[in-house]
Amino acid sequence: MHCWDVGGAVAPRFTRLSILLVLVGSPFGCSEWSPPGDSSDPASLEARLSHIKIQEERMSEEALARRARSFAILKEEGVPYIDHLPVIETEAESVRRSTEEVALRTMALALVAAKGEGLEQEHVDNWIERFDLAEAFTPQEREFIQDPDPDPARSVHLSWRYECCWVLLWALGYFEELHRPDTMCDPKKVVSLIFGDSREAFIKNAKLRSQKDLLDAADLIYRYHWAAVEAQVNNGDDAAGLHDGVCVEHHRALNWLIGHMNAQWDDVSTDT
């Protein structure tokens, strides 16, 4: 039985993905396809630098206190950090998304990840119809979802959206703790939580966390991700066990949740 057949168990995450990784390489270092929002783009970089400058000019007590709490966690865990990495948005500057918006984004991402992992088009189409998700995808996701023969490198990259789902499920209150980004999530749990009942039930049972909680997590992942990137650049090792792939997807989801730079999903920045 296919892992996405109704009533079936979910297959291990890397059945097809592990083969694709051998064929096309890491989704984060692939030369065949670049993810949207590439920080090497001059316009993207200019916008990011402008945003950082604005944040530095109006650092609030709230933002500084949040950064200090992140520093305390990093210090306790032995994760490297720098004092001058900028603060992030305050509650007043951030975007408060609706529970339904976050829930539908989670459902869409789960299908994107499943197709990236190898879910057949027939099953993709059936689940879109069953959960009424035709309008839930971004333009770039829709292009991928409707492509019967997507680029293998892009498929590998998008299969990592399970990690974004994990963050969004935490944000929706489906579990208490957001684990440290040192291990990959359990896609079985992702799929069972999202598609175990109806679309309506998934939204109804969700309880979006406070904006403070979301911002605290966004600030911390920003610094986790910086440490993971620095470790890769300097010596190729993960910093204090951090997983760079998990960091980037957690960062993506949290930056979208708080409306970082007012970007739509396809354009969310995960720069460090």
C-alpha atoms as a PDB file:
ATOM      1  CA  MET A   1       0.000   0.000   0.000  1.00  0.00           C
ATOM      2  CA  HIS A   2       1.265   3.465  -0.830  1.00  0.00           C
ATOM      3  CA  CYS A   3       2.230   5.565   2.171  1.00  0.00           C
ATOM      4  CA  TRP A   4      -0.476   8.099   1.274  1.00  0.00           C
ATOM      5  CA  ASP A   5      -3.294   5.648   0.625  1.00  0.00           C
ATOM      6  CA  VAL A   6      -6.212   6.179   2.974  1.00  0.00           C
ATOM      7  CA  GLY A   7      -5.643   4.142   6.107  1.00  0.00           C
ATOM      8  CA  GLY A   8      -2.103   3.219   5.155  1.00  0.00           C
ATOM      9  CA  ALA A   9       1.060   3.726   7.133  1.00  0.00           C
ATOM     10  CA  VAL A  10       3.513   6.378   6.084  1.00  0.00           C
ATOM     11  CA  ALA A  11       6.649   5.019   4.457  1.00  0.00           C
ATOM     12  CA  PRO A  12      10.117   5.972   5.737  1.00  0.00           C
ATOM     13  CA  ARG A  13      11.086   9.456   4.690  1.00  0.00           C
ATOM     14  CA  PHE A  14      14.167   8.622   2.660  1.00  0.00           C
ATOM     15  CA  THR A  15      12.983   5.702   0.524  1.00  0.00           C
ATOM     16  CA  ARG A  16      13.285   7.661  -2.717  1.00  0.00           C
ATOM     17  CA  LEU A  17      14.932  10.773  -1.328  1.00  0.00           C
ATOM     18  CA  SER A  18      18.116   8.918  -0.409  1.00  0.00           C
ATOM     19  CA  ILE A  19      18.482   7.780  -4.012  1.00  0.00           C
ATOM     20  CA  LEU A  20      17.902  11.272  -5.336  1.00  0.00           C
ATOM     21  CA  LEU A  21      20.485  12.693  -2.963  1.00  0.00           C
ATOM     22  CA  VAL A  22      23.076  10.350  -4.444  1.00  0.00           C
ATOM     23  CA  LEU A  23      22.088  11.326  -7.982  1.00  0.00           C
ATOM     24  CA  VAL A  24      21.865  15.097  -7.655  1.00  0.00           C
ATOM     25  CA  GLY A  25      23.625  15.968  -4.402  1.00  0.00           C
ATOM     26  CA  SER A  26      22.517  17.932  -1.362  1.00  0.00           C
ATOM     27  CA  PRO A  27      19.406  20.099  -1.824  1.00  0.00           C
ATOM     28  CA  PHE A  28      21.353  22.969  -0.296  1.00  0.00           C
ATOM     29  CA  GLY A  29      24.357  22.755  -2.595  1.00  0.00           C
ATOM     30  CA  CYS A  30      22.755  21.785  -5.889  1.00  0.00           C
ATOM     31  CA  SER A  31      23.886  23.681  -8.957  1.00  0.00           C
ATOM     32  CA  GLU A  32      20.993  22.526 -11.148  1.00  0.00           C
ATOM     33  CA  TRP A  33      18.268  24.462  -9.396  1.00  0.00           C
ATOM     34  CA  SER A  34      18.366  27.443  -7.064  1.00  0.00           C
ATOM     35  CA  PRO A  35      15.580  27.992  -4.524  1.00  0.00           C
ATOM     36  CA  PRO A  36      13.615  31.253  -4.672  1.00  0.00           C
ATOM     37  CA  GLY A  37      14.853  34.093  -2.543  1.00  0.00           C
ATOM     38  CA  ASP A  38      18.510  33.294  -3.214  1.00  0.00           C
ATOM     39  CA  SER A  39      20.537  35.739  -1.133  1.00  0.00           C
ATOM     40  CA  SER A  40      23.065  36.071  -3.952  1.00  0.00           C
ATOM     41  CA  ASP A  41      20.501  38.077  -5.910  1.00  0.00           C
ATOM     42  CA  PRO A  42      21.557  41.775  -5.690  1.00  0.00           C
ATOM     43  CA  ALA A  43      18.007  43.042  -5.145  1.00  0.00           C
ATOM     44  CA  SER A  44      17.389  40.476  -2.405  1.00  0.00           C
ATOM     45  CA  LEU A  45      20.668  41.328  -0.696  1.00  0.00           C
ATOM     46  CA  GLU A  46      19.990  45.066  -0.876  1.00  0.00           C
ATOM     47  CA  ALA A  47      16.549  44.622   0.670  1.00  0.00           C
ATOM     48  CA  ARG A  48      18.000  42.472   3.442  1.00  0.00           C
ATOM     49  CA  LEU A  49      20.746  44.981   4.267  1.00  0.00           C
ATOM     50  CA  SER A  50      18.205  47.794   4.324  1.00  0.00           C
ATOM     51  CA  HIS A  51      16.003  45.807   6.707  1.00  0.00           C
ATOM     52  CA  ILE A  52      18.942  45.106   9.033  1.00  0.00           C
ATOM     53  CA  LYS A  53      19.877  48.795   9.090  1.00  0.00           C
ATOM     54  CA  ILE A  54      16.343  49.772  10.071  1.00  0.00           C
ATOM     55  CA  GLN A  55      16.268  47.150  12.836  1.00  0.00           C
ATOM     56  CA  GLU A  56      19.593  48.380  14.211  1.00  0.00           C
ATOM     57  CA  GLU A  57      18.455  51.996  14.229  1.00  0.00           C
ATOM     58  CA  ARG A  58      15.387  51.314  16.317  1.00  0.00           C
ATOM     59  CA  MET A  59      16.333  48.458  18.619  1.00  0.00           C
ATOM     60  CA  SER A  60      13.703  48.272  21.356  1.00  0.00           C
ATOM     61  CA  GLU A  61      13.884  46.881  24.859  1.00  0.00           C
ATOM     62  CA  GLU A  62      11.580  44.080  23.730  1.00  0.00           C
ATOM     63  CA  ALA A  63      13.864  43.046  20.867  1.00  0.00           C
ATOM     64  CA  LEU A  64      17.015  43.325  22.968  1.00  0.00           C
ATOM     65  CA  ALA A  65      15.476  41.257  25.770  1.00  0.00           C
ATOM     66  CA  ARG A  66      14.439  38.609  23.261  1.00  0.00           C
ATOM     67  CA  ARG A  67      17.960  38.462  21.854  1.00  0.00           C
ATOM     68  CA  ALA A  68      19.377  38.182  25.377  1.00  0.00           C
ATOM     69  CA  ARG A  69      17.131  35.197  26.094  1.00  0.00           C
ATOM     70  CA  SER A  70      18.385  33.541  22.916  1.00  0.00           C
ATOM     71  CA  PHE A  71      21.985  34.225  23.923  1.00  0.00           C
ATOM     72  CA  ALA A  72      21.367  32.529  27.283  1.00  0.00           C
ATOM     73  CA  ILE A  73      20.037  29.388  25.572  1.00  0.00           C
ATOM     74  CA  LEU A  74      22.915  29.302  23.091  1.00  0.00           C
ATOM     75  CA  LYS A  75      25.480  29.754  25.847  1.00  0.00           C
ATOM     76  CA  GLU A  76      23.972  26.946  27.914  1.00  0.00           C
ATOM     77  CA  GLU A  77      24.037  24.612  24.886  1.00  0.00           C
ATOM     78  CA  GLY A  78      27.553  25.576  23.829  1.00  0.00           C
ATOM     79  CA  VAL A  79      26.411  27.007  20.495  1.00  0.00           C
ATOM     80  CA  PRO A  80      28.657  29.797  19.112  1.00  0.00           C
ATOM     81  CA  TYR A  81      27.077  33.219  18.638  1.00  0.00           C
ATOM     82  CA  ILE A  82      28.045  36.827  18.021  1.00  0.00           C
ATOM     83  CA  ASP A  83      26.794  39.770  20.047  1.00  0.00           C
ATOM     84  CA  HIS A  84      26.264  42.016  17.028  1.00  0.00           C
ATOM     85  CA  LEU A  85      23.934  39.786  15.009  1.00  0.00           C
ATOM     86  CA  PRO A  86      20.867  42.054  14.592  1.00  0.00           C
ATOM     87  CA  VAL A  87      17.617  41.842  16.503  1.00  0.00           C
ATOM     88  CA  ILE A  88      14.416  40.750  14.770  1.00  0.00           C
ATOM     89  CA  GLU A  89      10.964  42.316  14.591  1.00  0.00           C
ATOM     90  CA  THR A  90       8.985  43.328  17.664  1.00  0.00           C
ATOM     91  CA  GLU A  91       5.390  42.263  18.212  1.00  0.00           C
ATOM     92  CA  ALA A  92       4.192  45.597  16.832  1.00  0.00           C
ATOM     93  CA  GLU A  93       6.348  45.245  13.712  1.00  0.00           C
ATOM     94  CA  SER A  94       5.484  41.616  13.051  1.00  0.00           C
ATOM     95  CA  VAL A  95       2.540  40.085  11.212  1.00  0.00           C
ATOM     96  CA  ARG A  96      -0.098  38.168  13.155  1.00  0.00           C
ATOM     97  CA  ARG A  97      -1.441  35.451  10.879  1.00  0.00           C
ATOM     98  CA  SER A  98      -4.789  33.746  11.329  1.00  0.00           C
ATOM     99  CA  THR A  99      -5.057  30.164  12.508  1.00  0.00           C
ATOM    100  CA  GLU A 100      -6.712  29.163   9.234  1.00  0.00           C
ATOM    101  CA  GLU A 101      -3.948  30.765   7.156  1.00  0.00           C
ATOM    102  CA  VAL A 102      -1.259  28.876   9.061  1.00  0.00           C
ATOM    103  CA  ALA A 103      -3.205  25.618   8.929  1.00  0.00           C
ATOM    104  CA  LEU A 104      -3.731  25.790   5.159  1.00  0.00           C
ATOM    105  CA  ARG A 105      -0.071  26.669   4.621  1.00  0.00           C
ATOM    106  CA  THR A 106       0.844  23.583   6.648  1.00  0.00           C
ATOM    107  CA  MET A 107      -1.404  21.324   4.593  1.00  0.00           C
ATOM    108  CA  ALA A 108      -0.098  22.677   1.297  1.00  0.00           C
ATOM    109  CA  LEU A 109       3.516  22.244   2.383  1.00  0.00           C
ATOM    110  CA  ALA A 110       2.896  18.649   3.422  1.00  0.00           C
ATOM    111  CA  LEU A 111       1.659  17.793  -0.065  1.00  0.00           C
ATOM    112  CA  VAL A 112       4.575  19.640  -1.657  1.00  0.00           C
ATOM    113  CA  ALA A 113       6.998  17.656   0.509  1.00  0.00           C
ATOM    114  CA  ALA A 114       5.255  14.387  -0.283  1.00  0.00           C
ATOM    115  CA  LYS A 115       5.402  15.012  -4.015  1.00  0.00           C
ATOM    116  CA  GLY A 116       9.044  15.987  -3.667  1.00  0.00           C
ATOM    117  CA  GLU A 117       9.656  12.663  -1.970  1.00  0.00           C
ATOM    118  CA  GLY A 118       8.001  10.741  -4.792  1.00  0.00           C
ATOM    119  CA  LEU A 119       4.231  10.709  -4.244  1.00  0.00           C
ATOM    120  CA  GLU A 120       2.598   9.864  -7.580  1.00  0.00           C
ATOM    121  CA  GLN A 121       0.607  12.586  -9.358  1.00  0.00           C
ATOM    122  CA  GLU A 122      -2.630  10.612  -9.097  1.00  0.00           C
ATOM    123  CA  HIS A 123      -2.355  10.550  -5.309  1.00  0.00           C
ATOM    124  CA  VAL A 124      -1.363  14.218  -5.172  1.00  0.00           C
ATOM    125  CA  ASP A 125      -4.451  15.187  -7.170  1.00  0.00           C
ATOM    126  CA  ASN A 126      -6.708  12.986  -5.040  1.00  0.00           C
ATOM    127  CA  TRP A 127      -5.513  14.533  -1.782  1.00  0.00           C
ATOM    128  CA  ILE A 128      -5.819  18.057  -3.146  1.00  0.00           C
ATOM    129  CA  GLU A 129      -9.441  17.337  -4.028  1.00  0.00           C
ATOM    130  CA  ARG A 130     -10.213  15.513  -0.787  1.00  0.00           C
ATOM    131  CA  PHE A 131      -8.914  18.362   1.402  1.00  0.00           C
ATOM    132  CA  ASP A 132      -9.945  21.201  -0.924  1.00  0.00           C
ATOM    133  CA  LEU A 133      -6.405  22.566  -1.270  1.00  0.00           C
ATOM    134  CA  ALA A 134      -6.379  23.756  -4.884  1.00  0.00           C
ATOM    135  CA  GLU A 135      -6.104  27.402  -3.792  1.00  0.00           C
ATOM    136  CA  ALA A 136      -3.675  26.796  -0.920  1.00  0.00           C
ATOM    137  CA  PHE A 137      -0.483  26.673  -2.976  1.00  0.00           C
ATOM    138  CA  THR A 138       1.815  29.552  -3.848  1.00  0.00           C
ATOM    139  CA  PRO A 139       2.505  30.233  -7.548  1.00  0.00           C
ATOM    140  CA  GLN A 140       5.814  28.361  -7.467  1.00  0.00           C
ATOM    141  CA  GLU A 141       4.324  25.478  -5.494  1.00  0.00           C
ATOM    142  CA  ARG A 142       1.423  25.207  -7.936  1.00  0.00           C
ATOM    143  CA  GLU A 143       3.843  24.981 -10.844  1.00  0.00           C
ATOM    144  CA  PHE A 144       5.632  22.129  -9.087  1.00  0.00           C
ATOM    145  CA  ILE A 145       2.469  20.363  -7.924  1.00  0.00           C
ATOM    146  CA  GLN A 146       1.009  20.354 -11.444  1.00  0.00           C
ATOM    147  CA  ASP A 147       4.213  19.226 -13.148  1.00  0.00           C
ATOM    148  CA  PRO A 148       3.980  15.496 -13.962  1.00  0.00           C
ATOM    149  CA  ASP A 149       7.759  15.251 -14.340  1.00  0.00           C
ATOM    150  CA  PRO A 150       9.426  17.830 -12.067  1.00  0.00           C
ATOM    151  CA  ASP A 151      13.159  18.447 -11.972  1.00  0.00           C
ATOM    152  CA  PRO A 152      14.753  15.878  -9.607  1.00  0.00           C
ATOM    153  CA  ALA A 153      16.890  18.484  -7.851  1.00  0.00           C
ATOM    154  CA  ARG A 154      13.869  20.650  -7.175  1.00  0.00           C
ATOM    155  CA  SER A 155      11.967  17.628  -5.883  1.00  0.00           C
ATOM    156  CA  VAL A 156      14.734  16.880  -3.390  1.00  0.00           C
ATOM    157  CA  HIS A 157      14.817  20.474  -2.205  1.00  0.00           C
ATOM    158  CA  LEU A 158      11.053  20.653  -1.717  1.00  0.00           C
ATOM    159  CA  SER A 159      10.877  17.327   0.104  1.00  0.00           C
ATOM    160  CA  TRP A 160      12.524  19.161   3.001  1.00  0.00           C
ATOM    161  CA  ARG A 161       9.317  21.141   3.522  1.00  0.00           C
ATOM    162  CA  TYR A 162       8.337  18.478   6.052  1.00  0.00           C
ATOM    163  CA  GLU A 163      10.595  20.422   8.417  1.00  0.00           C
ATOM    164  CA  CYS A 164       8.553  23.577   7.797  1.00  0.00           C
ATOM    165  CA  CYS A 165       5.395  21.599   8.533  1.00  0.00           C
ATOM    166  CA  TRP A 166       6.884  20.525  11.855  1.00  0.00           C
ATOM    167  CA  VAL A 167       7.413  24.138  12.901  1.00  0.00           C
ATOM    168  CA  LEU A 168       3.932  25.160  11.781  1.00  0.00           C
ATOM    169  CA  LEU A 169       2.356  22.239  13.647  1.00  0.00           C
ATOM    170  CA  TRP A 170       4.121  23.432  16.783  1.00  0.00           C
ATOM    171  CA  ALA A 171       2.877  26.971  16.106  1.00  0.00           C
ATOM    172  CA  LEU A 172      -0.661  25.599  15.783  1.00  0.00           C
ATOM    173  CA  GLY A 173      -0.384  23.941  19.187  1.00  0.00           C
ATOM    174  CA  TYR A 174      -0.290  20.351  17.991  1.00  0.00           C
ATOM    175  CA  PHE A 175       2.631  19.627  20.314  1.00  0.00           C
ATOM    176  CA  GLU A 176       4.197  21.465  23.209  1.00  0.00           C
ATOM    177  CA  GLU A 177       7.882  21.766  22.404  1.00  0.00           C
ATOM    178  CA  LEU A 178       9.695  22.719  19.208  1.00  0.00           C
ATOM    179  CA  HIS A 179      12.730  20.489  19.212  1.00  0.00           C
ATOM    180  CA  ARG A 180      16.231  21.844  18.814  1.00  0.00           C
ATOM    181  CA  PRO A 181      17.239  21.830  15.096  1.00  0.00           C
ATOM    182  CA  ASP A 182      19.698  18.981  15.413  1.00  0.00           C
ATOM    183  CA  THR A 183      17.513  16.148  14.118  1.00  0.00           C
ATOM    184  CA  MET A 184      15.026  15.764  11.290  1.00  0.00           C
ATOM    185  CA  CYS A 185      11.334  15.567  12.061  1.00  0.00           C
ATOM    186  CA  ASP A 186       9.162  12.474  11.873  1.00  0.00           C
ATOM    187  CA  PRO A 187       7.156  12.693   8.608  1.00  0.00           C
ATOM    188  CA  LYS A 188       4.835   9.942   9.841  1.00  0.00           C
ATOM    189  CA  LYS A 189       3.701  12.214  12.647  1.00  0.00           C
ATOM    190  CA  VAL A 190       3.475  15.200  10.286  1.00  0.00           C
ATOM    191  CA  VAL A 191       1.156  13.365   7.914  1.00  0.00           C
ATOM    192  CA  SER A 192      -0.983  11.772  10.631  1.00  0.00           C
ATOM    193  CA  LEU A 193      -1.531  15.085  12.424  1.00  0.00           C
ATOM    194  CA  ILE A 194      -2.382  17.000   9.264  1.00  0.00           C
ATOM    195  CA  PHE A 195      -4.384  14.475   7.279  1.00  0.00           C
ATOM    196  CA  GLY A 196      -5.680  12.146   9.986  1.00  0.00           C
ATOM    197  CA  ASP A 197      -9.090  13.819   9.921  1.00  0.00           C
ATOM    198  CA  SER A 198     -10.845  16.412   7.772  1.00  0.00           C
ATOM    199  CA  ARG A 199      -9.602  19.837   6.704  1.00  0.00           C
ATOM    200  CA  GLU A 200     -12.219  21.402   8.971  1.00  0.00           C
ATOM    201  CA  ALA A 201     -11.134  19.347  11.986  1.00  0.00           C
ATOM    202  CA  PHE A 202      -7.471  20.182  11.475  1.00  0.00           C
ATOM    203  CA  ILE A 203      -8.251  23.905  11.512  1.00  0.00           C
ATOM    204  CA  LYS A 204     -10.758  23.670  14.364  1.00  0.00           C
ATOM    205  CA  ASN A 205      -8.391  21.740  16.639  1.00  0.00           C
ATOM    206  CA  ALA A 206      -5.533  24.187  16.108  1.00  0.00           C
ATOM    207  CA  LYS A 207      -4.688  26.918  18.600  1.00  0.00           C
ATOM    208  CA  LEU A 208      -2.138  29.407  17.310  1.00  0.00           C
ATOM    209  CA  ARG A 209       0.550  30.252  19.836  1.00  0.00           C
ATOM    210  CA  SER A 210       1.093  33.764  21.111  1.00  0.00           C
ATOM    211  CA  GLN A 211       3.054  36.186  18.971  1.00  0.00           C
ATOM    212  CA  LYS A 212       5.650  36.374  21.730  1.00  0.00           C
ATOM    213  CA  ASP A 213       6.250  32.625  21.495  1.00  0.00           C
ATOM    214  CA  LEU A 214       6.574  32.793  17.711  1.00  0.00           C
ATOM    215  CA  LEU A 215       9.003  35.716  17.860  1.00  0.00           C
ATOM    216  CA  ASP A 216      11.099  34.042  20.560  1.00  0.00           C
ATOM    217  CA  ALA A 217      11.419  30.968  18.354  1.00  0.00           C
ATOM    218  CA  ALA A 218      12.193  33.092  15.292  1.00  0.00           C
ATOM    219  CA  ASP A 219      14.972  34.942  17.096  1.00  0.00           C
ATOM    220  CA  LEU A 220      16.515  31.736  18.390  1.00  0.00           C
ATOM    221  CA  ILE A 221      16.455  29.939  15.024  1.00  0.00           C
ATOM    222  CA  TYR A 222      18.079  32.976  13.399  1.00  0.00           C
ATOM    223  CA  ARG A 223      21.049  32.489  15.715  1.00  0.00           C
ATOM    224  CA  TYR A 224      21.039  28.692  15.471  1.00  0.00           C
ATOM    225  CA  HIS A 225      21.110  29.020  11.689  1.00  0.00           C
ATOM    226  CA  TRP A 226      23.980  31.527  11.834  1.00  0.00           C
ATOM    227  CA  ALA A 227      26.006  29.085  13.935  1.00  0.00           C
ATOM    228  CA  ALA A 228      25.297  26.195  11.556  1.00  0.00           C
ATOM    229  CA  VAL A 229      26.298  28.262   8.514  1.00  0.00           C
ATOM    230  CA  GLU A 230      29.480  29.495  10.178  1.00  0.00           C
ATOM    231  CA  ALA A 231      30.476  25.954  11.086  1.00  0.00           C
ATOM    232  CA  GLN A 232      29.954  24.810   7.504  1.00  0.00           C
ATOM    233  CA  VAL A 233      31.953  27.722   6.096  1.00  0.00           C
ATOM    234  CA  ASN A 234      34.833  27.372   8.536  1.00  0.00           C
ATOM    235  CA  ASN A 235      35.378  23.658   8.908  1.00  0.00           C
ATOM    236  CA  GLY A 236      32.495  21.699   7.450  1.00  0.00           C
ATOM    237  CA  ASP A 237      31.216  20.545  10.837  1.00  0.00           C
ATOM    238  CA  ASP A 238      27.839  21.234  12.416  1.00  0.00           C
ATOM    239  CA  ALA A 239      27.927  23.628  15.362  1.00  0.00           C
ATOM    240  CA  ALA A 240      27.114  21.815  18.606  1.00  0.00           C
ATOM    241  CA  GLY A 241      25.297  19.142  16.641  1.00  0.00           C
ATOM    242  CA  LEU A 242      23.033  21.505  14.706  1.00  0.00           C
ATOM    243  CA  HIS A 243      21.705  20.249  11.369  1.00  0.00           C
ATOM    244  CA  ASP A 244      22.058  22.948   8.713  1.00  0.00           C
ATOM    245  CA  GLY A 245      19.216  21.563   6.585  1.00  0.00           C
ATOM    246  CA  VAL A 246      16.803  21.526   9.510  1.00  0.00           C
ATOM    247  CA  CYS A 247      17.933  25.006  10.557  1.00  0.00           C
ATOM    248  CA  VAL A 248      17.187  26.554   7.180  1.00  0.00           C
ATOM    249  CA  GLU A 249      13.682  25.064   6.978  1.00  0.00           C
ATOM    250  CA  HIS A 250      12.809  26.016  10.562  1.00  0.00           C
ATOM    251  CA  HIS A 251      14.119  29.496   9.785  1.00  0.00           C
ATOM    252  CA  ARG A 252      11.972  29.683   6.647  1.00  0.00           C
ATOM    253  CA  ALA A 253       8.783  28.699   8.464  1.00  0.00           C
ATOM    254  CA  LEU A 254       9.334  31.013  11.424  1.00  0.00           C
ATOM    255  CA  ASN A 255      10.250  33.998   9.259  1.00  0.00           C
ATOM    256  CA  TRP A 256       7.029  33.492   7.315  1.00  0.00           C
ATOM    257  CA  LEU A 257       5.023  33.129  10.528  1.00  0.00           C
ATOM    258  CA  ILE A 258       6.151  36.520  11.825  1.00  0.00           C
ATOM    259  CA  GLY A 259       5.958  38.268   8.439  1.00  0.00           C
ATOM    260  CA  HIS A 260       9.694  38.896   8.198  1.00  0.00           C
ATOM    261  CA  MET A 261      10.294  41.691   5.660  1.00  0.00           C
ATOM    262  CA  ASN A 262       6.614  41.310   4.663  1.00  0.00           C
ATOM    263  CA  ALA A 263       7.627  38.553   2.247  1.00  0.00           C
ATOM    264  CA  GLN A 264       5.251  36.068   0.667  1.00  0.00           C
ATOM    265  CA  TRP A 265       6.140  32.401   1.145  1.00  0.00           C
ATOM    266  CA  ASP A 266       7.947  32.056  -2.183  1.00  0.00           C
ATOM    267  CA  ASP A 267      10.198  34.991  -1.280  1.00  0.00           C
ATOM    268  CA  VAL A 268      10.920  34.363   2.405  1.00  0.00           C
ATOM    269  CA  SER A 269      14.550  35.111   3.274  1.00  0.00           C
ATOM    270  CA  THR A 270      16.622  32.803   5.465  1.00  0.00           C
ATOM    271  CA  ASP A 271      19.782  34.892   5.342  1.00  0.00           C
ATOM    272  CA  THR A 272      22.041  34.907   8.372  1.00  0.00           C
END
